[in-house]
Amino acid sequence: MDASTIVNLVKERLGIRTTVRDSYLESITQSVITELEDEKGLALDAENFNHLLFCADYATWRYQSRDESGAMPRHLQFRLHNLILHNRRVP
């Protein structure tokens, strides 16, 4: 999964035009990718727009909710559940 593409999507969604927050966004993005692959067992495909946009939406939510203690929004939970059901990595 290409983290730089996801960072660019997150920046577009948030309306960020500078590179000031890039290192922080890159860390969040890499964390999301690692969590989905290593902890959730997903085989992410950079050519699959569902995977790409889910990673961008998840990273955006992580960035925006950094000072909040709330749970993941229901729409992200639903999409993650569907990804897990349909895209489990075979050991």
C-alpha atoms as a PDB file:
ATOM      1  CA  MET A   1       0.000   0.000   0.000  1.00  0.00           C
ATOM      2  CA  ASP A   2       1.393   3.377  -1.014  1.00  0.00           C
ATOM      3  CA  ALA A   3       1.370   5.625   2.063  1.00  0.00           C
ATOM      4  CA  SER A   4       2.174   8.775   0.073  1.00  0.00           C
ATOM      5  CA  THR A   5      -1.015   8.414  -1.995  1.00  0.00           C
ATOM      6  CA  ILE A   6      -3.048   8.042   1.195  1.00  0.00           C
ATOM      7  CA  VAL A   7      -1.366  11.082   2.762  1.00  0.00           C
ATOM      8  CA  ASN A   8      -2.250  13.118  -0.328  1.00  0.00           C
ATOM      9  CA  LEU A   9      -5.885  11.987  -0.112  1.00  0.00           C
ATOM     10  CA  VAL A  10      -6.023  12.857   3.601  1.00  0.00           C
ATOM     11  CA  LYS A  11      -4.577  16.305   2.892  1.00  0.00           C
ATOM     12  CA  GLU A  12      -7.133  16.891   0.137  1.00  0.00           C
ATOM     13  CA  ARG A  13      -9.984  15.865   2.390  1.00  0.00           C
ATOM     14  CA  LEU A  14      -8.764  18.141   5.181  1.00  0.00           C
ATOM     15  CA  GLY A  15      -7.944  21.020   2.844  1.00  0.00           C
ATOM     16  CA  ILE A  16      -4.264  21.052   3.851  1.00  0.00           C
ATOM     17  CA  ARG A  17      -2.102  22.654   1.164  1.00  0.00           C
ATOM     18  CA  THR A  18       1.252  22.879   2.974  1.00  0.00           C
ATOM     19  CA  THR A  19       3.774  20.229   3.958  1.00  0.00           C
ATOM     20  CA  VAL A  20       3.931  21.327   7.597  1.00  0.00           C
ATOM     21  CA  ARG A  21       1.928  18.340   8.886  1.00  0.00           C
ATOM     22  CA  ASP A  22       3.261  15.754   6.433  1.00  0.00           C
ATOM     23  CA  SER A  23       5.460  13.853   8.875  1.00  0.00           C
ATOM     24  CA  TYR A  24       2.579  13.545  11.349  1.00  0.00           C
ATOM     25  CA  LEU A  25       0.143  12.475   8.618  1.00  0.00           C
ATOM     26  CA  GLU A  26       2.685   9.987   7.265  1.00  0.00           C
ATOM     27  CA  SER A  27       3.050   8.448  10.734  1.00  0.00           C
ATOM     28  CA  ILE A  28      -0.709   8.146  11.141  1.00  0.00           C
ATOM     29  CA  THR A  29      -1.047   6.649   7.674  1.00  0.00           C
ATOM     30  CA  GLN A  30       1.700   4.108   8.244  1.00  0.00           C
ATOM     31  CA  SER A  31       0.107   3.204  11.575  1.00  0.00           C
ATOM     32  CA  VAL A  32      -3.260   2.617   9.868  1.00  0.00           C
ATOM     33  CA  ILE A  33      -1.676   0.422   7.185  1.00  0.00           C
ATOM     34  CA  THR A  34       0.271  -1.595   9.761  1.00  0.00           C
ATOM     35  CA  GLU A  35      -2.798  -2.059  11.956  1.00  0.00           C
ATOM     36  CA  LEU A  36      -4.940  -3.246   9.070  1.00  0.00           C
ATOM     37  CA  GLU A  37      -2.315  -5.639   7.724  1.00  0.00           C
ATOM     38  CA  ASP A  38      -0.720  -6.955  10.911  1.00  0.00           C
ATOM     39  CA  GLU A  39      -3.515  -6.792  13.470  1.00  0.00           C
ATOM     40  CA  LYS A  40      -6.622  -7.181  11.308  1.00  0.00           C
ATOM     41  CA  GLY A  41      -5.028  -9.585   8.822  1.00  0.00           C
ATOM     42  CA  LEU A  42      -6.016  -7.698   5.681  1.00  0.00           C
ATOM     43  CA  ALA A  43      -4.110  -7.992   2.429  1.00  0.00           C
ATOM     44  CA  LEU A  44      -4.347  -4.388   1.255  1.00  0.00           C
ATOM     45  CA  ASP A  45      -4.196  -3.768  -2.474  1.00  0.00           C
ATOM     46  CA  ALA A  46      -3.036  -0.333  -3.660  1.00  0.00           C
ATOM     47  CA  GLU A  47      -5.033  -0.814  -6.891  1.00  0.00           C
ATOM     48  CA  ASN A  48      -8.297  -1.354  -4.981  1.00  0.00           C
ATOM     49  CA  PHE A  49      -9.994   2.003  -4.478  1.00  0.00           C
ATOM     50  CA  ASN A  50     -12.093   0.644  -1.603  1.00  0.00           C
ATOM     51  CA  HIS A  51      -8.899  -0.179   0.301  1.00  0.00           C
ATOM     52  CA  LEU A  52      -7.266   3.107  -0.608  1.00  0.00           C
ATOM     53  CA  LEU A  53     -10.222   5.266   0.409  1.00  0.00           C
ATOM     54  CA  PHE A  54     -10.856   3.310   3.594  1.00  0.00           C
ATOM     55  CA  CYS A  55      -7.237   3.877   4.655  1.00  0.00           C
ATOM     56  CA  ALA A  56      -7.576   7.587   3.841  1.00  0.00           C
ATOM     57  CA  ASP A  57     -10.862   7.901   5.757  1.00  0.00           C
ATOM     58  CA  TYR A  58      -9.471   5.973   8.720  1.00  0.00           C
ATOM     59  CA  ALA A  59      -6.307   8.108   8.803  1.00  0.00           C
ATOM     60  CA  THR A  60      -8.415  11.276   8.514  1.00  0.00           C
ATOM     61  CA  TRP A  61     -10.555  10.188  11.448  1.00  0.00           C
ATOM     62  CA  ARG A  62      -7.430   9.386  13.480  1.00  0.00           C
ATOM     63  CA  TYR A  63      -6.010  12.831  12.712  1.00  0.00           C
ATOM     64  CA  GLN A  64      -9.236  14.661  13.537  1.00  0.00           C
ATOM     65  CA  SER A  65      -9.976  12.714  16.732  1.00  0.00           C
ATOM     66  CA  ARG A  66      -6.483  12.815  18.248  1.00  0.00           C
ATOM     67  CA  ASP A  67      -7.708  14.697  21.350  1.00  0.00           C
ATOM     68  CA  GLU A  68     -10.994  12.825  21.735  1.00  0.00           C
ATOM     69  CA  SER A  69     -11.716   9.581  23.534  1.00  0.00           C
ATOM     70  CA  GLY A  70     -14.720   8.521  21.434  1.00  0.00           C
ATOM     71  CA  ALA A  71     -15.119   5.264  19.565  1.00  0.00           C
ATOM     72  CA  MET A  72     -14.616   4.821  15.850  1.00  0.00           C
ATOM     73  CA  PRO A  73     -17.594   6.160  13.874  1.00  0.00           C
ATOM     74  CA  ARG A  74     -20.143   3.566  12.889  1.00  0.00           C
ATOM     75  CA  HIS A  75     -19.592   4.017   9.142  1.00  0.00           C
ATOM     76  CA  LEU A  76     -15.876   3.195   9.572  1.00  0.00           C
ATOM     77  CA  GLN A  77     -16.691   0.206  11.799  1.00  0.00           C
ATOM     78  CA  PHE A  78     -19.107  -1.085   9.184  1.00  0.00           C
ATOM     79  CA  ARG A  79     -16.610  -0.683   6.334  1.00  0.00           C
ATOM     80  CA  LEU A  80     -13.806  -2.290   8.366  1.00  0.00           C
ATOM     81  CA  HIS A  81     -16.048  -5.223   9.209  1.00  0.00           C
ATOM     82  CA  ASN A  82     -16.859  -5.699   5.520  1.00  0.00           C
ATOM     83  CA  LEU A  83     -13.187  -5.506   4.555  1.00  0.00           C
ATOM     84  CA  ILE A  84     -12.318  -8.111   7.159  1.00  0.00           C
ATOM     85  CA  LEU A  85     -15.070 -10.445   5.973  1.00  0.00           C
ATOM     86  CA  HIS A  86     -14.206 -10.117   2.306  1.00  0.00           C
ATOM     87  CA  ASN A  87     -10.440  -9.740   2.369  1.00  0.00           C
ATOM     88  CA  ARG A  88      -8.848 -11.944   5.009  1.00  0.00           C
ATOM     89  CA  ARG A  89      -5.237 -12.789   4.301  1.00  0.00           C
ATOM     90  CA  VAL A  90      -4.855 -16.551   4.015  1.00  0.00           C
ATOM     91  CA  PRO A  91      -2.047 -17.711   6.352  1.00  0.00           C
END
